Amino acid sequence: QRPAPRSAAAAAAYGAPATTELRCRCLQPVRGLHPKNIQSVAVTAPGPHCHQTEVVATLKDGREACLDPEAPMVQRVLQRML
């Protein structure tokens, strides 16, 4: 298991949300994550804070990961969970 990232840049490298400020949280979303590791999913629509749809998954171990909303696996997860 990897240690938790210590900075926003390191967090982005792992697909984790970068911040809660008024800007995009998901800088480098991941395309795949095993669905059985996902506890819940939150979708943020585009708005003044960010031009893209953001999908943030809360994992069963408590970490958060940004998912690519265009990835087929992510679309299947969204259909099941929402």
PDB file of N, CA and C in Angstrom:
ATOM      1  N   GLN A   1       0.839  -1.178   0.000  1.00  0.00           N
ATOM      2  CA  GLN A   1       0.000   0.000   0.000  1.00  0.00           C
ATOM      3  C   GLN A   1       0.884   1.240   0.000  1.00  0.00           C
ATOM      4  N   ARG A   2       0.515   2.214  -0.826  1.00  0.00           N
ATOM      5  CA  ARG A   2       1.316   3.433  -0.949  1.00  0.00           C
ATOM      6  C   ARG A   2       1.017   4.392   0.191  1.00  0.00           C
ATOM      7  N   PRO A   3       2.019   5.150   0.638  1.00  0.00           N
ATOM      8  CA  PRO A   3       1.762   6.178   1.647  1.00  0.00           C
ATOM      9  C   PRO A   3       0.918   7.294   1.042  1.00  0.00           C
ATOM     10  N   ALA A   4       0.200   7.993   1.893  1.00  0.00           N
ATOM     11  CA  ALA A   4      -0.647   9.093   1.426  1.00  0.00           C
ATOM     12  C   ALA A   4       0.216  10.204   0.846  1.00  0.00           C
ATOM     13  N   PRO A   5      -0.225  10.821  -0.267  1.00  0.00           N
ATOM     14  CA  PRO A   5       0.520  11.939  -0.849  1.00  0.00           C
ATOM     15  C   PRO A   5       0.572  13.112   0.123  1.00  0.00           C
ATOM     16  N   ARG A   6       1.686  13.843   0.121  1.00  0.00           N
ATOM     17  CA  ARG A   6       1.866  14.952   1.057  1.00  0.00           C
ATOM     18  C   ARG A   6       1.519  16.314   0.468  1.00  0.00           C
ATOM     19  N   SER A   7       1.355  16.412  -0.836  1.00  0.00           N
ATOM     20  CA  SER A   7       1.052  17.702  -1.440  1.00  0.00           C
ATOM     21  C   SER A   7      -0.071  17.548  -2.451  1.00  0.00           C
ATOM     22  N   ALA A   8      -0.656  18.674  -2.867  1.00  0.00           N
ATOM     23  CA  ALA A   8      -1.720  18.636  -3.866  1.00  0.00           C
ATOM     24  C   ALA A   8      -1.211  18.055  -5.171  1.00  0.00           C
ATOM     25  N   ALA A   9       0.018  18.380  -5.540  1.00  0.00           N
ATOM     26  CA  ALA A   9       0.585  17.843  -6.783  1.00  0.00           C
ATOM     27  C   ALA A   9       0.757  16.337  -6.679  1.00  0.00           C
ATOM     28  N   ALA A  10       1.221  15.867  -5.537  1.00  0.00           N
ATOM     29  CA  ALA A  10       1.374  14.422  -5.351  1.00  0.00           C
ATOM     30  C   ALA A  10       0.012  13.751  -5.310  1.00  0.00           C
ATOM     31  N   ALA A  11      -0.971  14.392  -4.690  1.00  0.00           N
ATOM     32  CA  ALA A  11      -2.318  13.829  -4.641  1.00  0.00           C
ATOM     33  C   ALA A  11      -2.886  13.697  -6.043  1.00  0.00           C
ATOM     34  N   ALA A  12      -2.666  14.690  -6.889  1.00  0.00           N
ATOM     35  CA  ALA A  12      -3.168  14.644  -8.261  1.00  0.00           C
ATOM     36  C   ALA A  12      -2.544  13.488  -9.026  1.00  0.00           C
ATOM     37  N   ALA A  13      -1.303  13.177  -8.720  1.00  0.00           N
ATOM     38  CA  ALA A  13      -0.628  12.079  -9.401  1.00  0.00           C
ATOM     39  C   ALA A  13      -1.299  10.752  -9.093  1.00  0.00           C
ATOM     40  N   TYR A  14      -1.920  10.622  -7.937  1.00  0.00           N
ATOM     41  CA  TYR A  14      -2.615   9.401  -7.554  1.00  0.00           C
ATOM     42  C   TYR A  14      -4.095   9.443  -7.915  1.00  0.00           C
ATOM     43  N   GLY A  15      -4.549  10.502  -8.580  1.00  0.00           N
ATOM     44  CA  GLY A  15      -5.950  10.608  -8.953  1.00  0.00           C
ATOM     45  C   GLY A  15      -6.825  11.112  -7.825  1.00  0.00           C
ATOM     46  N   ALA A  16      -6.233  11.647  -6.780  1.00  0.00           N
ATOM     47  CA  ALA A  16      -6.997  12.137  -5.645  1.00  0.00           C
ATOM     48  C   ALA A  16      -7.433  13.576  -5.885  1.00  0.00           C
ATOM     49  N   PRO A  17      -8.544  13.980  -5.285  1.00  0.00           N
ATOM     50  CA  PRO A  17      -8.968  15.375  -5.412  1.00  0.00           C
ATOM     51  C   PRO A  17      -7.900  16.307  -4.864  1.00  0.00           C
ATOM     52  N   ALA A  18      -7.666  17.414  -5.539  1.00  0.00           N
ATOM     53  CA  ALA A  18      -6.586  18.319  -5.170  1.00  0.00           C
ATOM     54  C   ALA A  18      -6.968  19.282  -4.056  1.00  0.00           C
ATOM     55  N   THR A  19      -8.197  19.763  -4.055  1.00  0.00           N
ATOM     56  CA  THR A  19      -8.562  20.804  -3.104  1.00  0.00           C
ATOM     57  C   THR A  19     -10.069  20.983  -3.071  1.00  0.00           C
ATOM     58  N   THR A  20     -10.546  21.809  -2.131  1.00  0.00           N
ATOM     59  CA  THR A  20     -11.967  22.129  -2.078  1.00  0.00           C
ATOM     60  C   THR A  20     -12.210  23.579  -2.475  1.00  0.00           C
ATOM     61  N   GLU A  21     -11.208  24.249  -3.023  1.00  0.00           N
ATOM     62  CA  GLU A  21     -11.354  25.632  -3.454  1.00  0.00           C
ATOM     63  C   GLU A  21     -12.181  25.702  -4.730  1.00  0.00           C
ATOM     64  N   LEU A  22     -12.455  26.933  -5.176  1.00  0.00           N
ATOM     65  CA  LEU A  22     -13.263  27.131  -6.373  1.00  0.00           C
ATOM     66  C   LEU A  22     -12.426  26.957  -7.632  1.00  0.00           C
ATOM     67  N   ARG A  23     -11.998  25.743  -7.878  1.00  0.00           N
ATOM     68  CA  ARG A  23     -11.296  25.365  -9.101  1.00  0.00           C
ATOM     69  C   ARG A  23     -11.479  23.860  -9.264  1.00  0.00           C
ATOM     70  N   CYS A  24     -11.026  23.347 -10.380  1.00  0.00           N
ATOM     71  CA  CYS A  24     -11.177  21.910 -10.623  1.00  0.00           C
ATOM     72  C   CYS A  24     -10.456  21.112  -9.535  1.00  0.00           C
ATOM     73  N   ARG A  25     -11.131  20.106  -9.002  1.00  0.00           N
ATOM     74  CA  ARG A  25     -10.524  19.236  -7.988  1.00  0.00           C
ATOM     75  C   ARG A  25      -9.730  18.114  -8.638  1.00  0.00           C
ATOM     76  N   CYS A  26     -10.196  17.654  -9.781  1.00  0.00           N
ATOM     77  CA  CYS A  26      -9.599  16.478 -10.417  1.00  0.00           C
ATOM     78  C   CYS A  26      -8.652  16.904 -11.533  1.00  0.00           C
ATOM     79  N   LEU A  27      -7.368  16.943 -11.220  1.00  0.00           N
ATOM     80  CA  LEU A  27      -6.385  17.385 -12.199  1.00  0.00           C
ATOM     81  C   LEU A  27      -5.972  16.259 -13.137  1.00  0.00           C
ATOM     82  N   GLN A  28      -5.827  15.056 -12.609  1.00  0.00           N
ATOM     83  CA  GLN A  28      -5.439  13.899 -13.422  1.00  0.00           C
ATOM     84  C   GLN A  28      -6.286  12.696 -13.008  1.00  0.00           C
ATOM     85  N   PRO A  29      -7.528  12.630 -13.488  1.00  0.00           N
ATOM     86  CA  PRO A  29      -8.389  11.511 -13.091  1.00  0.00           C
ATOM     87  C   PRO A  29      -7.872  10.182 -13.628  1.00  0.00           C
ATOM     88  N   VAL A  30      -8.187   9.121 -12.902  1.00  0.00           N
ATOM     89  CA  VAL A  30      -7.791   7.780 -13.327  1.00  0.00           C
ATOM     90  C   VAL A  30      -8.914   7.165 -14.155  1.00  0.00           C
ATOM     91  N   ARG A  31      -8.545   6.306 -15.102  1.00  0.00           N
ATOM     92  CA  ARG A  31      -9.532   5.698 -16.000  1.00  0.00           C
ATOM     93  C   ARG A  31     -10.093   4.396 -15.445  1.00  0.00           C
ATOM     94  N   GLY A  32      -9.383   3.785 -14.534  1.00  0.00           N
ATOM     95  CA  GLY A  32      -9.848   2.507 -14.027  1.00  0.00           C
ATOM     96  C   GLY A  32      -9.593   2.337 -12.547  1.00  0.00           C
ATOM     97  N   LEU A  33     -10.557   1.745 -11.881  1.00  0.00           N
ATOM     98  CA  LEU A  33     -10.468   1.454 -10.464  1.00  0.00           C
ATOM     99  C   LEU A  33     -11.446   0.313 -10.241  1.00  0.00           C
ATOM    100  N   HIS A  34     -11.052  -0.700  -9.510  1.00  0.00           N
ATOM    101  CA  HIS A  34     -11.939  -1.850  -9.358  1.00  0.00           C
ATOM    102  C   HIS A  34     -13.199  -1.431  -8.601  1.00  0.00           C
ATOM    103  N   PRO A  35     -14.378  -1.695  -9.173  1.00  0.00           N
ATOM    104  CA  PRO A  35     -15.637  -1.257  -8.558  1.00  0.00           C
ATOM    105  C   PRO A  35     -15.847  -1.754  -7.132  1.00  0.00           C
ATOM    106  N   LYS A  36     -15.320  -2.920  -6.778  1.00  0.00           N
ATOM    107  CA  LYS A  36     -15.565  -3.410  -5.417  1.00  0.00           C
ATOM    108  C   LYS A  36     -14.776  -2.619  -4.368  1.00  0.00           C
ATOM    109  N   ASN A  37     -13.836  -1.780  -4.789  1.00  0.00           N
ATOM    110  CA  ASN A  37     -13.110  -0.919  -3.855  1.00  0.00           C
ATOM    111  C   ASN A  37     -13.832   0.403  -3.602  1.00  0.00           C
ATOM    112  N   ILE A  38     -14.899   0.673  -4.356  1.00  0.00           N
ATOM    113  CA  ILE A  38     -15.605   1.955  -4.272  1.00  0.00           C
ATOM    114  C   ILE A  38     -16.767   1.863  -3.290  1.00  0.00           C
ATOM    115  N   GLN A  39     -16.792   2.792  -2.340  1.00  0.00           N
ATOM    116  CA  GLN A  39     -17.880   2.858  -1.371  1.00  0.00           C
ATOM    117  C   GLN A  39     -19.002   3.758  -1.881  1.00  0.00           C
ATOM    118  N   SER A  40     -18.643   4.940  -2.403  1.00  0.00           N
ATOM    119  CA  SER A  40     -19.639   5.874  -2.918  1.00  0.00           C
ATOM    120  C   SER A  40     -19.010   6.736  -4.005  1.00  0.00           C
ATOM    121  N   VAL A  41     -19.882   7.405  -4.756  1.00  0.00           N
ATOM    122  CA  VAL A  41     -19.431   8.251  -5.861  1.00  0.00           C
ATOM    123  C   VAL A  41     -20.179   9.574  -5.796  1.00  0.00           C
ATOM    124  N   ALA A  42     -19.457  10.671  -6.010  1.00  0.00           N
ATOM    125  CA  ALA A  42     -20.067  12.002  -6.088  1.00  0.00           C
ATOM    126  C   ALA A  42     -19.712  12.607  -7.442  1.00  0.00           C
ATOM    127  N   VAL A  43     -20.725  13.156  -8.107  1.00  0.00           N
ATOM    128  CA  VAL A  43     -20.526  13.782  -9.413  1.00  0.00           C
ATOM    129  C   VAL A  43     -20.770  15.277  -9.265  1.00  0.00           C
ATOM    130  N   THR A  44     -19.819  16.080  -9.749  1.00  0.00           N
ATOM    131  CA  THR A  44     -19.957  17.532  -9.745  1.00  0.00           C
ATOM    132  C   THR A  44     -20.067  17.994 -11.191  1.00  0.00           C
ATOM    133  N   ALA A  45     -21.171  18.657 -11.499  1.00  0.00           N
ATOM    134  CA  ALA A  45     -21.403  19.151 -12.857  1.00  0.00           C
ATOM    135  C   ALA A  45     -20.489  20.341 -13.147  1.00  0.00           C
ATOM    136  N   PRO A  46     -20.228  20.600 -14.425  1.00  0.00           N
ATOM    137  CA  PRO A  46     -19.438  21.787 -14.779  1.00  0.00           C
ATOM    138  C   PRO A  46     -20.113  23.056 -14.262  1.00  0.00           C
ATOM    139  N   GLY A  47     -19.313  24.020 -13.896  1.00  0.00           N
ATOM    140  CA  GLY A  47     -19.843  25.282 -13.392  1.00  0.00           C
ATOM    141  C   GLY A  47     -18.757  26.336 -13.421  1.00  0.00           C
ATOM    142  N   PRO A  48     -18.972  27.445 -12.709  1.00  0.00           N
ATOM    143  CA  PRO A  48     -17.980  28.521 -12.721  1.00  0.00           C
ATOM    144  C   PRO A  48     -16.650  28.107 -12.092  1.00  0.00           C
ATOM    145  N   HIS A  49     -16.668  27.097 -11.235  1.00  0.00           N
ATOM    146  CA  HIS A  49     -15.442  26.637 -10.576  1.00  0.00           C
ATOM    147  C   HIS A  49     -14.607  25.732 -11.473  1.00  0.00           C
ATOM    148  N   CYS A  50     -15.260  25.048 -12.433  1.00  0.00           N
ATOM    149  CA  CYS A  50     -14.549  24.075 -13.266  1.00  0.00           C
ATOM    150  C   CYS A  50     -15.370  23.796 -14.520  1.00  0.00           C
ATOM    151  N   HIS A  51     -14.711  23.705 -15.668  1.00  0.00           N
ATOM    152  CA  HIS A  51     -15.406  23.518 -16.940  1.00  0.00           C
ATOM    153  C   HIS A  51     -15.732  22.060 -17.243  1.00  0.00           C
ATOM    154  N   GLN A  52     -15.270  21.133 -16.416  1.00  0.00           N
ATOM    155  CA  GLN A  52     -15.473  19.718 -16.715  1.00  0.00           C
ATOM    156  C   GLN A  52     -16.299  19.029 -15.634  1.00  0.00           C
ATOM    157  N   THR A  53     -16.964  17.946 -16.003  1.00  0.00           N
ATOM    158  CA  THR A  53     -17.656  17.111 -15.034  1.00  0.00           C
ATOM    159  C   THR A  53     -16.604  16.368 -14.223  1.00  0.00           C
ATOM    160  N   GLU A  54     -16.771  16.363 -12.909  1.00  0.00           N
ATOM    161  CA  GLU A  54     -15.814  15.680 -12.042  1.00  0.00           C
ATOM    162  C   GLU A  54     -16.514  14.546 -11.301  1.00  0.00           C
ATOM    163  N   VAL A  55     -15.870  13.390 -11.263  1.00  0.00           N
ATOM    164  CA  VAL A  55     -16.392  12.220 -10.570  1.00  0.00           C
ATOM    165  C   VAL A  55     -15.381  11.854  -9.489  1.00  0.00           C
ATOM    166  N   VAL A  56     -15.812  11.935  -8.228  1.00  0.00           N
ATOM    167  CA  VAL A  56     -14.929  11.613  -7.106  1.00  0.00           C
ATOM    168  C   VAL A  56     -15.489  10.387  -6.396  1.00  0.00           C
ATOM    169  N   ALA A  57     -14.692   9.327  -6.351  1.00  0.00           N
ATOM    170  CA  ALA A  57     -15.080   8.096  -5.670  1.00  0.00           C
ATOM    171  C   ALA A  57     -14.457   8.075  -4.282  1.00  0.00           C
ATOM    172  N   THR A  58     -15.271   7.722  -3.288  1.00  0.00           N
ATOM    173  CA  THR A  58     -14.751   7.458  -1.955  1.00  0.00           C
ATOM    174  C   THR A  58     -14.530   5.961  -1.871  1.00  0.00           C
ATOM    175  N   LEU A  59     -13.300   5.582  -1.552  1.00  0.00           N
ATOM    176  CA  LEU A  59     -12.949   4.171  -1.498  1.00  0.00           C
ATOM    177  C   LEU A  59     -13.274   3.594  -0.123  1.00  0.00           C
ATOM    178  N   LYS A  60     -13.357   2.289  -0.048  1.00  0.00           N
ATOM    179  CA  LYS A  60     -13.704   1.626   1.204  1.00  0.00           C
ATOM    180  C   LYS A  60     -12.672   1.851   2.294  1.00  0.00           C
ATOM    181  N   ASP A  61     -11.442   2.198   1.918  1.00  0.00           N
ATOM    182  CA  ASP A  61     -10.414   2.476   2.930  1.00  0.00           C
ATOM    183  C   ASP A  61     -10.392   3.951   3.336  1.00  0.00           C
ATOM    184  N   GLY A  62     -11.361   4.750   2.832  1.00  0.00           N
ATOM    185  CA  GLY A  62     -11.485   6.145   3.225  1.00  0.00           C
ATOM    186  C   GLY A  62     -10.825   7.139   2.294  1.00  0.00           C
ATOM    187  N   ARG A  63      -9.960   6.672   1.400  1.00  0.00           N
ATOM    188  CA  ARG A  63      -9.315   7.593   0.459  1.00  0.00           C
ATOM    189  C   ARG A  63     -10.318   8.020  -0.607  1.00  0.00           C
ATOM    190  N   GLU A  64      -9.986   9.109  -1.296  1.00  0.00           N
ATOM    191  CA  GLU A  64     -10.788   9.576  -2.422  1.00  0.00           C
ATOM    192  C   GLU A  64      -9.954   9.498  -3.690  1.00  0.00           C
ATOM    193  N   ALA A  65     -10.633   9.225  -4.804  1.00  0.00           N
ATOM    194  CA  ALA A  65      -9.948   9.159  -6.094  1.00  0.00           C
ATOM    195  C   ALA A  65     -10.828   9.805  -7.150  1.00  0.00           C
ATOM    196  N   CYS A  66     -10.214  10.584  -8.014  1.00  0.00           N
ATOM    197  CA  CYS A  66     -10.923  11.182  -9.140  1.00  0.00           C
ATOM    198  C   CYS A  66     -10.964  10.175 -10.280  1.00  0.00           C
ATOM    199  N   LEU A  67     -12.135  10.043 -10.883  1.00  0.00           N
ATOM    200  CA  LEU A  67     -12.318   9.116 -11.991  1.00  0.00           C
ATOM    201  C   LEU A  67     -12.615   9.887 -13.265  1.00  0.00           C
ATOM    202  N   ASP A  68     -12.191   9.348 -14.387  1.00  0.00           N
ATOM    203  CA  ASP A  68     -12.440   9.952 -15.695  1.00  0.00           C
ATOM    204  C   ASP A  68     -13.882   9.651 -16.097  1.00  0.00           C
ATOM    205  N   PRO A  69     -14.761  10.673 -16.173  1.00  0.00           N
ATOM    206  CA  PRO A  69     -16.169  10.419 -16.490  1.00  0.00           C
ATOM    207  C   PRO A  69     -16.398   9.860 -17.893  1.00  0.00           C
ATOM    208  N   GLU A  70     -15.398   9.944 -18.773  1.00  0.00           N
ATOM    209  CA  GLU A  70     -15.532   9.429 -20.135  1.00  0.00           C
ATOM    210  C   GLU A  70     -15.145   7.950 -20.245  1.00  0.00           C
ATOM    211  N   ALA A  71     -14.485   7.410 -19.245  1.00  0.00           N
ATOM    212  CA  ALA A  71     -14.025   6.018 -19.295  1.00  0.00           C
ATOM    213  C   ALA A  71     -15.217   5.063 -19.196  1.00  0.00           C
ATOM    214  N   PRO A  72     -15.264   4.030 -20.033  1.00  0.00           N
ATOM    215  CA  PRO A  72     -16.388   3.078 -20.005  1.00  0.00           C
ATOM    216  C   PRO A  72     -16.601   2.445 -18.629  1.00  0.00           C
ATOM    217  N   MET A  73     -15.529   2.093 -17.932  1.00  0.00           N
ATOM    218  CA  MET A  73     -15.668   1.491 -16.610  1.00  0.00           C
ATOM    219  C   MET A  73     -16.335   2.458 -15.645  1.00  0.00           C
ATOM    220  N   VAL A  74     -15.965   3.716 -15.705  1.00  0.00           N
ATOM    221  CA  VAL A  74     -16.538   4.728 -14.817  1.00  0.00           C
ATOM    222  C   VAL A  74     -18.014   4.922 -15.140  1.00  0.00           C
ATOM    223  N   GLN A  75     -18.379   4.916 -16.401  1.00  0.00           N
ATOM    224  CA  GLN A  75     -19.782   5.056 -16.781  1.00  0.00           C
ATOM    225  C   GLN A  75     -20.609   3.889 -16.255  1.00  0.00           C
ATOM    226  N   ARG A  76     -20.054   2.667 -16.269  1.00  0.00           N
ATOM    227  CA  ARG A  76     -20.769   1.505 -15.716  1.00  0.00           C
ATOM    228  C   ARG A  76     -20.941   1.650 -14.204  1.00  0.00           C
ATOM    229  N   VAL A  77     -19.899   2.112 -13.524  1.00  0.00           N
ATOM    230  CA  VAL A  77     -19.984   2.314 -12.077  1.00  0.00           C
ATOM    231  C   VAL A  77     -21.062   3.347 -11.762  1.00  0.00           C
ATOM    232  N   LEU A  78     -21.101   4.432 -12.515  1.00  0.00           N
ATOM    233  CA  LEU A  78     -22.106   5.474 -12.287  1.00  0.00           C
ATOM    234  C   LEU A  78     -23.519   4.940 -12.495  1.00  0.00           C
ATOM    235  N   GLN A  79     -23.726   4.120 -13.511  1.00  0.00           N
ATOM    236  CA  GLN A  79     -25.052   3.549 -13.754  1.00  0.00           C
ATOM    237  C   GLN A  79     -25.503   2.683 -12.589  1.00  0.00           C
ATOM    238  N   ARG A  80     -24.582   1.953 -11.988  1.00  0.00           N
ATOM    239  CA  ARG A  80     -24.933   1.071 -10.871  1.00  0.00           C
ATOM    240  C   ARG A  80     -25.150   1.825  -9.570  1.00  0.00           C
ATOM    241  N   MET A  81     -24.354   2.867  -9.334  1.00  0.00           N
ATOM    242  CA  MET A  81     -24.358   3.521  -8.023  1.00  0.00           C
ATOM    243  C   MET A  81     -25.288   4.728  -7.922  1.00  0.00           C
ATOM    244  N   LEU A  82     -25.636   5.321  -9.041  1.00  0.00           N
ATOM    245  CA  LEU A  82     -26.479   6.529  -8.967  1.00  0.00           C
ATOM    246  C   LEU A  82     -27.907   6.239  -9.365  1.00  0.00           C
TER     247      LEU A  82
END
